[in-house]
Amino acid sequence: MAITVRVRFEVFKRDEFTCGYCGRKSPHVVLEVDHIVPIAAGGTDDPINLKTSCWDCNRGKSDKPLSTFLTGEDPHDRAIALLEQERQLLEYNEVVALERARRENTAWDLVRYWNAELGFEDEKDLNRIRNSDWRWLFNALKWCPAEVVKNMMDAAIARGMDRNFKYVAGCCRNWRYERAADRDARRFDPDDSP
């Protein structure tokens, strides 16, 4: 049975003359009425089963169920996948927060070591550090082990380069470059070829 002109108009009016799939509106597109549950799948002409659709979207949907048209997958499976994605994101954020806290604690241990080696004993003085030195130290611990930083601190103090962390930073940077050069040398060493 064909949909009457009156029912078609009521559906268009209810849907504000807007395609329910792509959002385009009349008069820019030709609107039609689509069966949400296709007639071929047992759907009816009841207005609750009708939706405004543009010509292109209605032809693209054809006689497929709405869930298949929109996602190409079972909505339940999609919900499970979204929950799993959220769980993994929460776990990732937790790991990042733990790593950041560990790096911060390590940085404060190194600050206290540095200041103790310089002869400070008061708790306030042991935790004293310039903002720029703190930022460098905190970020350097992403790529430089704490023991290496501590060795470079010892070298800086022994050479009297203890006003700030510039000497320590330079030593750590050189240590990083040397490690990269060693890796590259091993990778391109012709004696290592089979």
C-alpha atoms as a PDB file:
ATOM      1  CA  MET A   1       0.000   0.000   0.000  1.00  0.00           C
ATOM      2  CA  ALA A   2       1.408   3.403  -0.961  1.00  0.00           C
ATOM      3  CA  ILE A   3       1.989   6.121   1.614  1.00  0.00           C
ATOM      4  CA  THR A   4      -0.633   8.858   1.287  1.00  0.00           C
ATOM      5  CA  VAL A   5       0.312  12.443   0.510  1.00  0.00           C
ATOM      6  CA  ARG A   6      -1.047  13.500   3.909  1.00  0.00           C
ATOM      7  CA  VAL A   7       1.090  10.961   5.827  1.00  0.00           C
ATOM      8  CA  ARG A   8       4.135  11.924   3.763  1.00  0.00           C
ATOM      9  CA  PHE A   9       3.594  15.619   4.579  1.00  0.00           C
ATOM     10  CA  GLU A  10       3.108  14.873   8.301  1.00  0.00           C
ATOM     11  CA  VAL A  11       6.384  12.926   8.373  1.00  0.00           C
ATOM     12  CA  PHE A  12       8.211  15.781   6.588  1.00  0.00           C
ATOM     13  CA  LYS A  13       6.715  18.300   9.022  1.00  0.00           C
ATOM     14  CA  ARG A  14       7.581  16.153  12.074  1.00  0.00           C
ATOM     15  CA  ASP A  15      11.187  15.838  10.830  1.00  0.00           C
ATOM     16  CA  GLU A  16      11.378  19.583   9.998  1.00  0.00           C
ATOM     17  CA  PHE A  17      11.877  18.897   6.273  1.00  0.00           C
ATOM     18  CA  THR A  18      15.382  17.574   7.056  1.00  0.00           C
ATOM     19  CA  CYS A  19      16.982  14.322   5.941  1.00  0.00           C
ATOM     20  CA  GLY A  20      17.402  12.181   9.040  1.00  0.00           C
ATOM     21  CA  TYR A  21      20.642  10.688   7.685  1.00  0.00           C
ATOM     22  CA  CYS A  22      22.714  13.516   6.237  1.00  0.00           C
ATOM     23  CA  GLY A  23      20.942  16.604   7.630  1.00  0.00           C
ATOM     24  CA  ARG A  24      20.320  18.280   4.286  1.00  0.00           C
ATOM     25  CA  LYS A  25      17.069  20.228   3.983  1.00  0.00           C
ATOM     26  CA  SER A  26      14.445  21.038   1.455  1.00  0.00           C
ATOM     27  CA  PRO A  27      14.545  22.834  -1.043  1.00  0.00           C
ATOM     28  CA  HIS A  28      18.233  21.928  -1.598  1.00  0.00           C
ATOM     29  CA  VAL A  29      17.426  18.232  -1.938  1.00  0.00           C
ATOM     30  CA  VAL A  30      14.486  16.113  -2.985  1.00  0.00           C
ATOM     31  CA  LEU A  31      12.920  14.600   0.131  1.00  0.00           C
ATOM     32  CA  GLU A  32      11.291  11.193   0.357  1.00  0.00           C
ATOM     33  CA  VAL A  33       9.839   9.083   3.115  1.00  0.00           C
ATOM     34  CA  ASP A  34      11.963   6.090   4.121  1.00  0.00           C
ATOM     35  CA  HIS A  35      10.873   2.983   5.982  1.00  0.00           C
ATOM     36  CA  ILE A  36      13.115   2.538   9.032  1.00  0.00           C
ATOM     37  CA  VAL A  37      12.324  -1.173   9.078  1.00  0.00           C
ATOM     38  CA  PRO A  38      12.047  -1.979   5.359  1.00  0.00           C
ATOM     39  CA  ILE A  39       8.778  -3.387   4.013  1.00  0.00           C
ATOM     40  CA  ALA A  40      10.850  -6.355   2.764  1.00  0.00           C
ATOM     41  CA  ALA A  41      11.835  -7.044   6.404  1.00  0.00           C
ATOM     42  CA  GLY A  42       8.294  -6.768   7.768  1.00  0.00           C
ATOM     43  CA  GLY A  43       8.065  -3.001   8.284  1.00  0.00           C
ATOM     44  CA  THR A  44       4.796  -1.112   7.967  1.00  0.00           C
ATOM     45  CA  ASP A  45       3.587   2.228   6.654  1.00  0.00           C
ATOM     46  CA  ASP A  46       2.872   3.383  10.210  1.00  0.00           C
ATOM     47  CA  PRO A  47       4.324   6.915  10.770  1.00  0.00           C
ATOM     48  CA  ILE A  48       6.438   5.572  13.650  1.00  0.00           C
ATOM     49  CA  ASN A  49       8.301   3.453  11.053  1.00  0.00           C
ATOM     50  CA  LEU A  50       8.765   6.364   8.643  1.00  0.00           C
ATOM     51  CA  LYS A  51      11.587   8.869   8.443  1.00  0.00           C
ATOM     52  CA  THR A  52      12.373  11.806   6.181  1.00  0.00           C
ATOM     53  CA  SER A  53      15.231  11.016   3.840  1.00  0.00           C
ATOM     54  CA  CYS A  54      16.808  12.746   0.876  1.00  0.00           C
ATOM     55  CA  TRP A  55      16.816  10.907  -2.451  1.00  0.00           C
ATOM     56  CA  ASP A  56      20.557  10.050  -2.226  1.00  0.00           C
ATOM     57  CA  CYS A  57      20.392   8.649   1.321  1.00  0.00           C
ATOM     58  CA  ASN A  58      17.234   6.666   0.622  1.00  0.00           C
ATOM     59  CA  ARG A  59      18.848   5.049  -2.441  1.00  0.00           C
ATOM     60  CA  GLY A  60      22.030   4.361  -0.477  1.00  0.00           C
ATOM     61  CA  LYS A  61      20.145   2.743   2.396  1.00  0.00           C
ATOM     62  CA  SER A  62      17.931   0.730   0.072  1.00  0.00           C
ATOM     63  CA  ASP A  63      16.213  -2.135   1.928  1.00  0.00           C
ATOM     64  CA  LYS A  64      18.916  -2.551   4.587  1.00  0.00           C
ATOM     65  CA  PRO A  65      18.033  -2.329   8.283  1.00  0.00           C
ATOM     66  CA  LEU A  66      18.911   1.025   9.802  1.00  0.00           C
ATOM     67  CA  SER A  67      21.600  -0.406  12.135  1.00  0.00           C
ATOM     68  CA  THR A  68      23.427  -1.939   9.178  1.00  0.00           C
ATOM     69  CA  PHE A  69      23.210   1.286   7.200  1.00  0.00           C
ATOM     70  CA  LEU A  70      24.576   3.504   9.938  1.00  0.00           C
ATOM     71  CA  THR A  71      27.354   1.393  11.418  1.00  0.00           C
ATOM     72  CA  GLY A  72      27.733  -1.757   9.381  1.00  0.00           C
ATOM     73  CA  GLU A  73      27.933  -3.668  12.653  1.00  0.00           C
ATOM     74  CA  ASP A  74      25.831  -4.830  15.528  1.00  0.00           C
ATOM     75  CA  PRO A  75      25.134  -1.886  17.910  1.00  0.00           C
ATOM     76  CA  HIS A  76      25.786  -4.184  20.891  1.00  0.00           C
ATOM     77  CA  ASP A  77      29.236  -5.092  19.536  1.00  0.00           C
ATOM     78  CA  ARG A  78      29.939  -1.394  18.970  1.00  0.00           C
ATOM     79  CA  ALA A  79      28.955  -0.608  22.580  1.00  0.00           C
ATOM     80  CA  ILE A  80      31.259  -3.350  23.858  1.00  0.00           C
ATOM     81  CA  ALA A  81      34.096  -1.976  21.708  1.00  0.00           C
ATOM     82  CA  LEU A  82      33.513   1.545  23.072  1.00  0.00           C
ATOM     83  CA  LEU A  83      33.556   0.273  26.663  1.00  0.00           C
ATOM     84  CA  GLU A  84      36.824  -1.583  25.979  1.00  0.00           C
ATOM     85  CA  GLN A  85      38.315   1.546  24.417  1.00  0.00           C
ATOM     86  CA  GLU A  86      37.318   3.576  27.487  1.00  0.00           C
ATOM     87  CA  ARG A  87      38.818   0.951  29.832  1.00  0.00           C
ATOM     88  CA  GLN A  88      42.101   1.001  27.910  1.00  0.00           C
ATOM     89  CA  LEU A  89      42.184   4.797  27.944  1.00  0.00           C
ATOM     90  CA  LEU A  90      41.664   4.847  31.723  1.00  0.00           C
ATOM     91  CA  GLU A  91      44.457   2.291  32.184  1.00  0.00           C
ATOM     92  CA  TYR A  92      46.761   4.291  29.901  1.00  0.00           C
ATOM     93  CA  ASN A  93      46.066   7.511  31.824  1.00  0.00           C
ATOM     94  CA  GLU A  94      46.744   5.693  35.084  1.00  0.00           C
ATOM     95  CA  VAL A  95      50.102   4.421  33.798  1.00  0.00           C
ATOM     96  CA  VAL A  96      51.036   7.914  32.551  1.00  0.00           C
ATOM     97  CA  ALA A  97      50.115   9.428  35.932  1.00  0.00           C
ATOM     98  CA  LEU A  98      52.178   6.804  37.790  1.00  0.00           C
ATOM     99  CA  GLU A  99      55.171   7.378  35.508  1.00  0.00           C
ATOM    100  CA  ARG A 100      54.901  11.145  36.005  1.00  0.00           C
ATOM    101  CA  ALA A 101      54.713  10.743  39.799  1.00  0.00           C
ATOM    102  CA  ARG A 102      57.730   8.389  39.739  1.00  0.00           C
ATOM    103  CA  ARG A 103      59.718  10.870  37.633  1.00  0.00           C
ATOM    104  CA  GLU A 104      58.730  13.735  39.943  1.00  0.00           C
ATOM    105  CA  ASN A 105      59.845  11.786  43.036  1.00  0.00           C
ATOM    106  CA  THR A 106      63.121  10.877  41.351  1.00  0.00           C
ATOM    107  CA  ALA A 107      63.688  14.511  40.380  1.00  0.00           C
ATOM    108  CA  TRP A 108      63.139  15.666  43.974  1.00  0.00           C
ATOM    109  CA  ASP A 109      65.554  12.978  45.221  1.00  0.00           C
ATOM    110  CA  LEU A 110      68.169  14.330  42.801  1.00  0.00           C
ATOM    111  CA  VAL A 111      67.524  17.935  43.887  1.00  0.00           C
ATOM    112  CA  ARG A 112      68.054  16.952  47.520  1.00  0.00           C
ATOM    113  CA  TYR A 113      71.209  15.006  46.568  1.00  0.00           C
ATOM    114  CA  TRP A 114      72.581  18.018  44.653  1.00  0.00           C
ATOM    115  CA  ASN A 115      71.909  20.441  47.497  1.00  0.00           C
ATOM    116  CA  ALA A 116      73.274  18.027  50.145  1.00  0.00           C
ATOM    117  CA  GLU A 117      76.476  17.626  48.109  1.00  0.00           C
ATOM    118  CA  LEU A 118      76.741  21.420  48.022  1.00  0.00           C
ATOM    119  CA  GLY A 119      76.661  21.410  51.826  1.00  0.00           C
ATOM    120  CA  PHE A 120      73.078  22.443  52.550  1.00  0.00           C
ATOM    121  CA  GLU A 121      71.468  20.751  55.533  1.00  0.00           C
ATOM    122  CA  ASP A 122      68.231  22.645  56.215  1.00  0.00           C
ATOM    123  CA  GLU A 123      65.140  20.963  54.732  1.00  0.00           C
ATOM    124  CA  LYS A 124      64.139  24.197  52.983  1.00  0.00           C
ATOM    125  CA  ASP A 125      67.571  24.496  51.371  1.00  0.00           C
ATOM    126  CA  LEU A 126      67.634  20.825  50.372  1.00  0.00           C
ATOM    127  CA  ASN A 127      64.481  21.356  48.267  1.00  0.00           C
ATOM    128  CA  ARG A 128      65.654  24.605  46.667  1.00  0.00           C
ATOM    129  CA  ILE A 129      65.870  24.690  42.863  1.00  0.00           C
ATOM    130  CA  ARG A 130      65.366  27.242  40.108  1.00  0.00           C
ATOM    131  CA  ASN A 131      62.290  26.731  37.918  1.00  0.00           C
ATOM    132  CA  SER A 132      64.335  26.357  34.739  1.00  0.00           C
ATOM    133  CA  ASP A 133      66.583  23.742  36.403  1.00  0.00           C
ATOM    134  CA  TRP A 134      63.515  21.865  37.674  1.00  0.00           C
ATOM    135  CA  ARG A 135      61.916  21.801  34.206  1.00  0.00           C
ATOM    136  CA  TRP A 136      65.122  20.537  32.626  1.00  0.00           C
ATOM    137  CA  LEU A 137      65.644  17.841  35.277  1.00  0.00           C
ATOM    138  CA  PHE A 138      62.036  16.636  35.190  1.00  0.00           C
ATOM    139  CA  ASN A 139      62.072  16.362  31.383  1.00  0.00           C
ATOM    140  CA  ALA A 140      65.590  14.890  31.200  1.00  0.00           C
ATOM    141  CA  LEU A 141      64.492  11.956  33.343  1.00  0.00           C
ATOM    142  CA  LYS A 142      62.369  10.807  30.375  1.00  0.00           C
ATOM    143  CA  TRP A 143      65.549   9.845  28.511  1.00  0.00           C
ATOM    144  CA  CYS A 144      68.388   9.926  31.023  1.00  0.00           C
ATOM    145  CA  PRO A 145      68.634   7.476  33.961  1.00  0.00           C
ATOM    146  CA  ALA A 146      68.827   9.021  37.450  1.00  0.00           C
ATOM    147  CA  GLU A 147      72.222   7.405  38.111  1.00  0.00           C
ATOM    148  CA  VAL A 148      73.677   9.095  35.034  1.00  0.00           C
ATOM    149  CA  VAL A 149      72.288  12.457  36.168  1.00  0.00           C
ATOM    150  CA  LYS A 150      73.754  11.872  39.634  1.00  0.00           C
ATOM    151  CA  ASN A 151      77.191  11.070  38.119  1.00  0.00           C
ATOM    152  CA  MET A 152      77.023  14.258  36.048  1.00  0.00           C
ATOM    153  CA  MET A 153      76.080  16.219  39.196  1.00  0.00           C
ATOM    154  CA  ASP A 154      79.174  14.817  40.913  1.00  0.00           C
ATOM    155  CA  ALA A 155      81.315  15.844  37.931  1.00  0.00           C
ATOM    156  CA  ALA A 156      79.828  19.365  37.940  1.00  0.00           C
ATOM    157  CA  ILE A 157      80.455  19.815  41.675  1.00  0.00           C
ATOM    158  CA  ALA A 158      84.017  18.467  41.334  1.00  0.00           C
ATOM    159  CA  ARG A 159      84.727  21.065  38.598  1.00  0.00           C
ATOM    160  CA  GLY A 160      83.061  23.909  40.501  1.00  0.00           C
ATOM    161  CA  MET A 161      80.273  24.184  37.923  1.00  0.00           C
ATOM    162  CA  ASP A 162      77.563  24.147  40.580  1.00  0.00           C
ATOM    163  CA  ARG A 163      75.759  27.489  40.215  1.00  0.00           C
ATOM    164  CA  ASN A 164      72.990  25.838  38.184  1.00  0.00           C
ATOM    165  CA  PHE A 165      72.339  22.719  36.126  1.00  0.00           C
ATOM    166  CA  LYS A 166      73.786  23.970  32.834  1.00  0.00           C
ATOM    167  CA  TYR A 167      76.954  21.893  33.124  1.00  0.00           C
ATOM    168  CA  VAL A 168      74.950  18.849  34.244  1.00  0.00           C
ATOM    169  CA  ALA A 169      72.554  19.361  31.318  1.00  0.00           C
ATOM    170  CA  GLY A 170      75.453  19.586  28.849  1.00  0.00           C
ATOM    171  CA  CYS A 171      77.042  16.414  30.228  1.00  0.00           C
ATOM    172  CA  CYS A 172      73.746  14.524  30.038  1.00  0.00           C
ATOM    173  CA  ARG A 173      73.175  15.750  26.484  1.00  0.00           C
ATOM    174  CA  ASN A 174      76.651  14.552  25.489  1.00  0.00           C
ATOM    175  CA  TRP A 175      75.988  11.184  27.173  1.00  0.00           C
ATOM    176  CA  ARG A 176      72.805  10.891  25.091  1.00  0.00           C
ATOM    177  CA  TYR A 177      74.618  11.763  21.837  1.00  0.00           C
ATOM    178  CA  GLU A 178      77.395   9.270  22.575  1.00  0.00           C
ATOM    179  CA  ARG A 179      74.858   6.496  23.183  1.00  0.00           C
ATOM    180  CA  ALA A 180      73.092   7.319  19.912  1.00  0.00           C
ATOM    181  CA  ALA A 181      76.428   7.324  18.069  1.00  0.00           C
ATOM    182  CA  ASP A 182      77.355   3.942  19.601  1.00  0.00           C
ATOM    183  CA  ARG A 183      73.995   2.483  18.522  1.00  0.00           C
ATOM    184  CA  ASP A 184      74.466   3.822  15.004  1.00  0.00           C
ATOM    185  CA  ALA A 185      78.008   2.469  14.835  1.00  0.00           C
ATOM    186  CA  ARG A 186      76.855  -0.999  15.894  1.00  0.00           C
ATOM    187  CA  ARG A 187      74.017  -0.910  13.398  1.00  0.00           C
ATOM    188  CA  PHE A 188      76.285  -0.004  10.476  1.00  0.00           C
ATOM    189  CA  ASP A 189      79.379  -1.991  11.504  1.00  0.00           C
ATOM    190  CA  PRO A 190      80.380  -4.135   8.471  1.00  0.00           C
ATOM    191  CA  ASP A 191      82.028  -6.702  10.798  1.00  0.00           C
ATOM    192  CA  ASP A 192      78.611  -7.528  12.263  1.00  0.00           C
ATOM    193  CA  SER A 193      77.167  -8.576   8.891  1.00  0.00           C
ATOM    194  CA  PRO A 194      76.370 -12.284   8.470  1.00  0.00           C
END
